């Protein structure tokens, strides 16, 4: 038996290649740099969205790894080329967008259980621990809370085309409830996101290279462009939800705020942007309500507008807590246990806006849309 074992051991001659050992480099991997990632191997829309998520996270980590004092000026070719390629395929810019950070970046722990924060996880993460997880996943739940509202828009538009006043009234009531649920869901930020961690650790990784004093000339995408390119950072204004609600309710924003919101639509998946445009080109709800002379319809419309204004007021209190108050605390050196917070975007959103001025403007213009009750 022992003789048989010995014979078996010596039947095949040894060669280094069998063990992935190089004749020239030994245990070193020869030429370890991999070839450029090739988007042709991605199968279908979902895989391309996931690829955009992966490459956007690597990009933000690379650019901001040394903090805002030393951001990268050049994105290396092996990252820039495939990122731009998959971005062009999707019609998205080559930077982290809301569609990456939130819409693509979630998974359930148990598919049989309800969609709540204890049963959710992020797929990719930045520094920020549980606060980063909370920030992303509460926003995922906000998007989920908007689903009945999005369905209500479709029901309402079809009800105006039929026309069916009863179906339209029902749709407006469903929309109001959805907006109120969004506001309640947003409140989960308080329990899941530490304001100091958000301000000092997380924000920089969501920041872009347009309207950002830390990167005034933008970022060179090596192998793509010899000139720096400029893109805005991730922003809640890149969510399609409130754009669609605004168009449906006929909210008209100031020129400056309106232009910013219009620019943010270029950071959405094109199909989502097309949904906003479909709502925009549908019959005017405001005109329909005014011409109908239907009291309950007018009341239901105003309740939707009021709920939207209340959501925006609540968002202002959140931003005050997580941005303005945290910035003041950081200035007072009360965050000594944390890295130095980003100064360049101190009073601005990661999308590059003067955040409180912008948010108050869109809230006030929302309130202006309330229709007068007759008699």
Protein backbone atom coordinates (compact mmCIF):
# COMPACT_ATOMS: atom_id res chain seq x y z
CA UNK A 1 0.00 0.00 0.00
CA UNK A 2 2.83 2.38 0.95
CA UNK A 3 4.63 1.54 -2.32
CA UNK A 4 1.50 2.37 -4.33
CA UNK A 5 1.26 5.80 -2.62
CA UNK A 6 4.87 6.58 -3.46
CA UNK A 7 4.33 5.59 -7.10
CA UNK A 8 1.27 7.85 -7.31
CA UNK A 9 3.23 10.80 -5.88
CA UNK A 10 5.98 10.56 -8.52
CA UNK A 11 3.95 9.79 -11.65
CA UNK A 12 3.53 13.43 -12.85
CA UNK A 13 6.67 15.60 -13.09
CA UNK A 14 6.73 18.86 -11.16
CA UNK A 15 6.34 22.16 -13.00
CA UNK A 16 6.11 25.67 -11.61
CA UNK A 17 3.27 26.59 -13.95
CA UNK A 18 0.95 24.09 -12.29
CA UNK A 19 1.18 26.19 -9.10
CA UNK A 20 0.96 29.64 -10.70
CA UNK A 21 4.65 30.22 -10.03
CA UNK A 22 6.51 32.25 -12.64
CA UNK A 23 9.82 31.09 -14.17
CA UNK A 24 10.99 34.74 -14.13
CA UNK A 25 9.26 36.22 -11.07
CA UNK A 26 8.71 33.25 -8.76
CA UNK A 27 5.80 33.85 -6.39
CA UNK A 28 5.42 37.45 -7.62
CA UNK A 29 2.44 37.93 -9.93
CA UNK A 30 3.92 39.04 -13.27
CA UNK A 31 2.48 42.35 -14.53
CA UNK A 32 -0.20 42.54 -11.86
CA UNK A 33 -1.98 45.54 -13.39
CA UNK A 34 -5.22 44.20 -14.84
CA UNK A 35 -6.56 45.20 -18.27
CA UNK A 36 -9.13 47.98 -18.43
CA UNK A 37 -12.58 47.00 -17.25
CA UNK A 38 -14.79 46.37 -20.26
CA UNK A 39 -18.47 47.31 -20.08
CA UNK A 40 -19.32 44.91 -22.92
CA UNK A 41 -19.40 42.07 -20.39
CA UNK A 42 -22.21 43.71 -18.41
CA UNK A 43 -25.55 42.03 -19.01
CA UNK A 44 -28.54 44.33 -19.03
CA UNK A 45 -29.65 47.53 -17.31
CA UNK A 46 -29.37 46.35 -13.68
CA UNK A 47 -25.75 45.24 -14.07
CA UNK A 48 -24.83 48.58 -15.65
CA UNK A 49 -26.49 50.44 -12.77
CA UNK A 50 -24.57 48.28 -10.29
CA UNK A 51 -21.32 48.94 -12.19
CA UNK A 52 -22.00 52.69 -11.99
CA UNK A 53 -22.54 52.32 -8.24
CA UNK A 54 -19.24 50.45 -7.77
CA UNK A 55 -17.18 52.83 -9.90
CA UNK A 56 -18.75 55.93 -8.34
CA UNK A 57 -17.88 54.76 -4.82
CA UNK A 58 -14.29 53.99 -5.81
CA UNK A 59 -14.06 57.40 -7.53
CA UNK A 60 -15.34 59.37 -4.53
CA UNK A 61 -13.06 57.45 -2.19
CA UNK A 62 -10.07 58.10 -4.47
CA UNK A 63 -10.74 61.81 -4.99
CA UNK A 64 -11.39 62.64 -1.32
CA UNK A 65 -9.09 60.13 0.42
CA UNK A 66 -6.75 62.90 1.67
CA UNK A 67 -9.57 65.26 2.63
CA UNK A 68 -10.59 68.54 1.03
CA UNK A 69 -7.14 70.09 1.47
CA UNK A 70 -5.61 67.62 -1.03
CA UNK A 71 -8.26 66.26 -3.39
CA UNK A 72 -7.03 64.27 -6.35
CA UNK A 73 -6.68 66.34 -9.52
CA UNK A 74 -6.61 63.38 -11.92
CA UNK A 75 -8.77 60.26 -11.95
CA UNK A 76 -6.53 57.39 -13.19
CA UNK A 77 -7.23 55.98 -16.65
CA UNK A 78 -8.11 52.47 -15.41
CA UNK A 79 -10.95 53.99 -13.37
CA UNK A 80 -11.89 57.00 -15.53
CA UNK A 81 -12.31 55.16 -18.86
CA UNK A 82 -14.72 52.40 -17.73
CA UNK A 83 -16.61 54.85 -15.46
CA UNK A 84 -17.21 57.25 -18.34
CA UNK A 85 -18.12 54.34 -20.64
CA UNK A 86 -20.78 52.90 -18.34
CA UNK A 87 -22.03 56.43 -17.57
CA UNK A 88 -22.55 57.11 -21.29
CA UNK A 89 -24.39 53.81 -21.68
CA UNK A 90 -26.75 54.79 -18.85
CA UNK A 91 -27.06 58.49 -19.67
CA UNK A 92 -25.68 59.41 -16.25
CA UNK A 93 -22.72 61.65 -15.36
CA UNK A 94 -19.46 59.97 -14.20
CA UNK A 95 -19.84 60.89 -10.52
CA UNK A 96 -21.78 59.54 -7.54
CA UNK A 97 -25.45 60.49 -7.92
CA UNK A 98 -28.60 59.90 -5.86
CA UNK A 99 -29.42 56.99 -8.17
CA UNK A 100 -26.18 55.32 -6.98
CA UNK A 101 -26.00 56.21 -3.29
CA UNK A 102 -29.66 55.46 -2.58
CA UNK A 103 -31.67 53.92 -5.43
CA UNK A 104 -29.14 51.16 -6.27
CA UNK A 105 -27.37 50.82 -2.91
CA UNK A 106 -29.73 48.72 -0.79
CA UNK A 107 -30.50 45.10 -0.08
CA UNK A 108 -32.77 43.23 2.34
CA UNK A 109 -31.43 40.97 5.07
CA UNK A 110 -34.53 38.79 4.88
CA UNK A 111 -36.76 39.07 1.81
CA UNK A 112 -39.70 37.60 3.76
CA UNK A 113 -39.70 40.42 6.31
CA UNK A 114 -41.08 43.99 5.93
CA UNK A 115 -38.95 46.75 4.42
CA UNK A 116 -37.83 48.60 7.54
CA UNK A 117 -34.43 49.87 8.60
CA UNK A 118 -33.63 46.80 10.71
CA UNK A 119 -34.15 44.57 7.67
CA UNK A 120 -32.07 46.69 5.26
CA UNK A 121 -28.38 47.00 4.48
CA UNK A 122 -26.27 49.09 2.15
CA UNK A 123 -24.29 47.31 -0.56
CA UNK A 124 -21.34 49.75 -0.50
CA UNK A 125 -20.25 52.17 2.18
CA UNK A 126 -17.96 55.11 2.95
CA UNK A 127 -16.44 56.02 6.33
CA UNK A 128 -19.23 57.00 8.71
CA UNK A 129 -20.27 53.64 10.16
CA UNK A 130 -23.85 53.36 11.38
CA UNK A 131 -24.56 57.02 10.58
CA UNK A 132 -23.69 56.51 6.90
CA UNK A 133 -25.82 53.36 6.86
CA UNK A 134 -28.68 55.25 8.50
CA UNK A 135 -28.40 58.20 6.10
CA UNK A 136 -28.62 55.96 3.02
CA UNK A 137 -31.29 53.59 4.32
CA UNK A 138 -33.64 56.23 5.74
CA UNK A 139 -33.48 57.86 2.30
CA UNK A 140 -34.27 54.45 0.73
CA UNK A 141 -37.34 54.29 2.99
CA UNK A 142 -38.31 57.85 1.97
CA UNK A 143 -38.24 56.72 -1.68
CA UNK A 144 -40.36 53.69 -0.72
CA UNK A 145 -42.86 55.93 1.11
CA UNK A 146 -43.24 57.89 -2.15
CA UNK A 147 -44.47 54.85 -4.11
CA UNK A 148 -48.22 55.39 -3.41
CA UNK A 149 -47.73 59.04 -4.37
CA UNK A 150 -46.07 58.14 -7.68
CA UNK A 151 -48.93 55.73 -8.44
CA UNK A 152 -51.40 58.47 -7.51
CA UNK A 153 -49.87 60.78 -10.15
CA UNK A 154 -50.52 58.17 -12.84
CA UNK A 155 -54.08 57.60 -11.57
CA UNK A 156 -54.74 61.35 -11.47
CA UNK A 157 -53.44 62.04 -14.98
CA UNK A 158 -55.54 59.18 -16.38
CA UNK A 159 -58.56 60.43 -14.38
CA UNK A 160 -58.26 63.87 -16.03
CA UNK A 161 -58.06 62.25 -19.47
CA UNK A 162 -61.20 60.08 -18.95
CA UNK A 163 -62.43 62.34 -17.20
CA UNK A 164 -63.39 60.95 -13.78
CA UNK A 165 -63.71 63.42 -10.91
CA UNK A 166 -64.15 60.64 -8.34
CA UNK A 167 -60.95 58.88 -9.42
CA UNK A 168 -59.07 62.21 -9.44
CA UNK A 169 -60.27 63.06 -5.93
CA UNK A 170 -59.18 59.63 -4.70
CA UNK A 171 -55.76 60.09 -6.35
CA UNK A 172 -55.24 63.48 -4.66
CA UNK A 173 -56.11 62.00 -1.28
CA UNK A 174 -53.61 59.19 -1.86
CA UNK A 175 -50.96 61.71 -2.87
CA UNK A 176 -51.46 63.74 0.31
CA UNK A 177 -51.15 60.64 2.49
CA UNK A 178 -47.97 59.61 0.68
CA UNK A 179 -46.38 63.06 1.16
CA UNK A 180 -47.25 62.97 4.86
CA UNK A 181 -45.73 59.47 5.11
CA UNK A 182 -42.54 60.77 3.45
CA UNK A 183 -42.30 63.48 6.13
CA UNK A 184 -42.77 60.94 8.94
CA UNK A 185 -40.20 58.59 7.40
CA UNK A 186 -37.65 61.39 7.07
CA UNK A 187 -37.91 61.80 10.85
CA UNK A 188 -36.08 58.47 11.25
CA UNK A 189 -32.86 60.39 10.48
CA UNK A 190 -32.84 61.63 14.09
CA UNK A 191 -32.49 58.10 15.49
CA UNK A 192 -30.10 56.78 12.85
CA UNK A 193 -27.69 59.57 11.85
CA UNK A 194 -25.33 61.45 14.18
CA UNK A 195 -25.20 65.10 12.97
CA UNK A 196 -21.51 65.54 13.84
CA UNK A 197 -20.51 62.36 11.98
CA UNK A 198 -22.58 63.39 8.98
CA UNK A 199 -21.01 66.84 8.83
CA UNK A 200 -17.39 65.99 9.61
CA UNK A 201 -17.03 62.52 8.05
CA UNK A 202 -19.74 61.66 5.51
CA UNK A 203 -20.41 64.90 3.59
CA UNK A 204 -17.07 65.14 1.85
CA UNK A 205 -17.58 61.79 0.09
CA UNK A 206 -20.82 63.13 -1.42
CA UNK A 207 -19.17 66.34 -2.65
CA UNK A 208 -18.57 67.02 -6.33
CA UNK A 209 -16.17 69.09 -8.40
CA UNK A 210 -18.46 71.82 -9.66
CA UNK A 211 -19.20 74.97 -7.63
CA UNK A 212 -16.83 73.55 -5.00
CA UNK A 213 -13.99 75.88 -3.90
CA UNK A 214 -11.94 72.82 -2.89
CA UNK A 215 -11.79 71.77 -6.57
CA UNK A 216 -12.24 75.03 -8.50
CA UNK A 217 -11.05 73.68 -11.88
CA UNK A 218 -12.79 70.28 -11.70
CA UNK A 219 -11.30 66.81 -12.22
CA UNK A 220 -9.27 65.41 -15.14
CA UNK A 221 -10.62 62.04 -16.30
CA UNK A 222 -7.39 60.49 -17.64
CA UNK A 223 -7.82 58.81 -21.03
CA UNK A 224 -11.12 60.63 -21.55
CA UNK A 225 -10.38 64.36 -21.56
CA UNK A 226 -7.22 66.44 -21.20
CA UNK A 227 -9.33 69.29 -19.79
CA UNK A 228 -10.86 69.03 -16.29
CA UNK A 229 -14.56 68.14 -16.18
CA UNK A 230 -17.01 69.56 -13.63
CA UNK A 231 -19.90 67.66 -12.04
CA UNK A 232 -22.11 68.47 -9.05
CA UNK A 233 -22.06 66.22 -5.99
CA UNK A 234 -24.91 64.02 -4.78
CA UNK A 235 -28.02 65.89 -3.69
CA UNK A 236 -31.59 65.17 -2.57
CA UNK A 237 -32.54 67.44 -5.49
CA UNK A 238 -31.52 64.54 -7.76
CA UNK A 239 -34.46 62.48 -6.47
CA UNK A 240 -37.21 62.31 -9.08
CA UNK A 241 -39.99 62.25 -6.45
CA UNK A 242 -40.39 65.95 -5.62
CA UNK A 243 -39.73 67.01 -9.22
CA UNK A 244 -42.69 64.87 -10.30
CA UNK A 245 -44.89 66.18 -7.47
CA UNK A 246 -43.98 69.79 -8.34
CA UNK A 247 -44.81 69.33 -12.02
CA UNK A 248 -48.11 67.61 -11.21
CA UNK A 249 -49.21 70.26 -8.69
CA UNK A 250 -48.00 73.12 -10.90
CA UNK A 251 -45.44 74.51 -8.43
CA UNK A 252 -43.37 77.27 -10.09
CA UNK A 253 -39.99 78.00 -8.50
CA UNK A 254 -37.84 81.14 -8.70
CA UNK A 255 -35.49 81.43 -11.67
CA UNK A 256 -32.36 80.55 -9.67
CA UNK A 257 -33.89 77.62 -7.78
CA UNK A 258 -35.69 76.44 -10.90
CA UNK A 259 -32.48 76.42 -12.94
CA UNK A 260 -30.67 74.42 -10.26
CA UNK A 261 -33.50 71.86 -10.11
CA UNK A 262 -33.56 71.64 -13.90
CA UNK A 263 -29.79 70.96 -13.93
CA UNK A 264 -30.26 68.22 -11.32
CA UNK A 265 -32.51 66.34 -13.75
CA UNK A 266 -29.40 65.61 -15.82
CA UNK A 267 -28.15 63.60 -12.82
CA UNK A 268 -31.17 61.26 -12.92
CA UNK A 269 -31.57 58.09 -14.98
CA UNK A 270 -33.01 59.34 -18.32
CA UNK A 271 -36.15 57.20 -17.96
CA UNK A 272 -36.91 58.88 -14.60
CA UNK A 273 -36.35 62.31 -16.14
CA UNK A 274 -38.72 61.28 -18.95
CA UNK A 275 -41.39 60.45 -16.33
CA UNK A 276 -41.18 64.04 -15.01
CA UNK A 277 -41.52 65.33 -18.57
CA UNK A 278 -44.56 63.08 -19.16
CA UNK A 279 -46.21 64.57 -16.06
CA UNK A 280 -45.26 68.04 -17.28
CA UNK A 281 -46.87 67.48 -20.69
CA UNK A 282 -50.08 66.00 -19.20
CA UNK A 283 -53.19 68.17 -18.73
CA UNK A 284 -52.73 70.88 -16.07
CA UNK A 285 -54.15 69.78 -12.71
CA UNK A 286 -54.45 73.38 -11.49
CA UNK A 287 -56.41 74.40 -14.57
CA UNK A 288 -58.61 71.32 -14.24
CA UNK A 289 -59.36 72.02 -10.57
CA UNK A 290 -60.10 75.72 -11.21
CA UNK A 291 -62.35 75.08 -14.20
CA UNK A 292 -64.23 72.20 -12.54
CA UNK A 293 -65.82 74.35 -9.85
CA UNK A 294 -65.58 71.20 -7.69
CA UNK A 295 -65.11 72.26 -4.03
CA UNK A 296 -63.83 68.90 -2.71
CA UNK A 297 -61.29 68.73 -5.58
CA UNK A 298 -59.96 72.20 -4.77
CA UNK A 299 -59.71 71.32 -1.08
CA UNK A 300 -57.89 68.06 -1.88
CA UNK A 301 -55.48 69.92 -4.20
CA UNK A 302 -54.70 72.51 -1.51
CA UNK A 303 -54.16 69.77 1.07
CA UNK A 304 -51.54 68.18 -1.23
CA UNK A 305 -49.76 71.51 -1.68
CA UNK A 306 -49.90 72.17 2.08
CA UNK A 307 -48.49 68.69 2.82
CA UNK A 308 -45.66 69.31 0.33
CA UNK A 309 -44.85 72.68 1.95
CA UNK A 310 -44.81 71.00 5.38
CA UNK A 311 -42.42 68.35 4.07
CA UNK A 312 -40.13 71.09 2.79
CA UNK A 313 -40.33 72.97 6.12
CA UNK A 314 -39.39 69.76 7.93
CA UNK A 315 -36.48 69.27 5.53
CA UNK A 316 -35.26 72.77 6.45
CA UNK A 317 -35.19 71.82 10.15
CA UNK A 318 -33.23 68.65 9.27
CA UNK A 319 -30.68 70.58 7.22
CA UNK A 320 -30.34 73.16 10.00
CA UNK A 321 -29.53 70.38 12.46
CA UNK A 322 -27.22 68.33 10.25
CA UNK A 323 -25.45 71.17 8.45
CA UNK A 324 -25.80 74.64 9.99
CA UNK A 325 -25.67 73.66 13.69
CA UNK A 326 -22.94 71.07 13.07
CA UNK A 327 -20.89 73.66 11.16
CA UNK A 328 -21.14 76.06 14.10
CA UNK A 329 -20.09 73.32 16.53
CA UNK A 330 -17.14 72.38 14.31
CA UNK A 331 -16.01 76.01 14.24
CA UNK A 332 -16.14 76.03 18.02
CA UNK A 333 -13.74 73.04 18.03
CA UNK A 334 -16.30 70.84 19.77
CA UNK A 335 -15.62 67.98 17.36
CA UNK A 336 -12.04 67.32 18.45
CA UNK A 337 -12.54 63.52 18.30
CA UNK A 338 -13.43 63.79 14.59
CA UNK A 339 -11.35 64.65 11.52
CA UNK A 340 -11.33 68.28 10.46
CA UNK A 341 -14.68 68.96 8.77
CA UNK A 342 -14.82 70.22 5.18
CA UNK A 343 -14.69 74.01 5.07
CA UNK A 344 -15.17 74.64 1.35
CA UNK A 345 -18.86 73.69 1.39
CA UNK A 346 -19.54 74.99 4.88
CA UNK A 347 -22.97 76.52 4.25
CA UNK A 348 -23.66 74.75 0.98
CA UNK A 349 -25.29 71.48 0.03
CA UNK A 350 -23.15 68.77 -1.55
CA UNK A 351 -24.81 69.68 -4.85
CA UNK A 352 -23.21 73.13 -4.55
CA UNK A 353 -26.18 75.32 -3.56
CA UNK A 354 -26.44 77.86 -0.72
CA UNK A 355 -28.63 75.37 0.98
CA UNK A 356 -30.94 77.28 3.33
CA UNK A 357 -31.64 80.05 0.82
CA UNK A 358 -32.53 77.41 -1.77
CA UNK A 359 -34.71 75.30 0.55
CA UNK A 360 -36.65 78.29 1.90
CA UNK A 361 -37.24 79.53 -1.64
CA UNK A 362 -38.71 76.21 -2.84
CA UNK A 363 -40.84 75.95 0.33
CA UNK A 364 -42.20 79.49 -0.07
CA UNK A 365 -42.97 79.00 -3.76
CA UNK A 366 -44.82 75.81 -2.84
CA UNK A 367 -47.05 77.74 -0.43
CA UNK A 368 -47.77 80.32 -3.13
CA UNK A 369 -49.45 77.57 -5.18
CA UNK A 370 -52.36 77.22 -2.71
CA UNK A 371 -55.60 78.19 -4.49
CA UNK A 372 -58.12 80.54 -2.85
CA UNK A 373 -61.29 78.86 -1.59
CA UNK A 374 -64.42 80.40 -3.11
CA UNK A 375 -67.24 81.65 -0.96
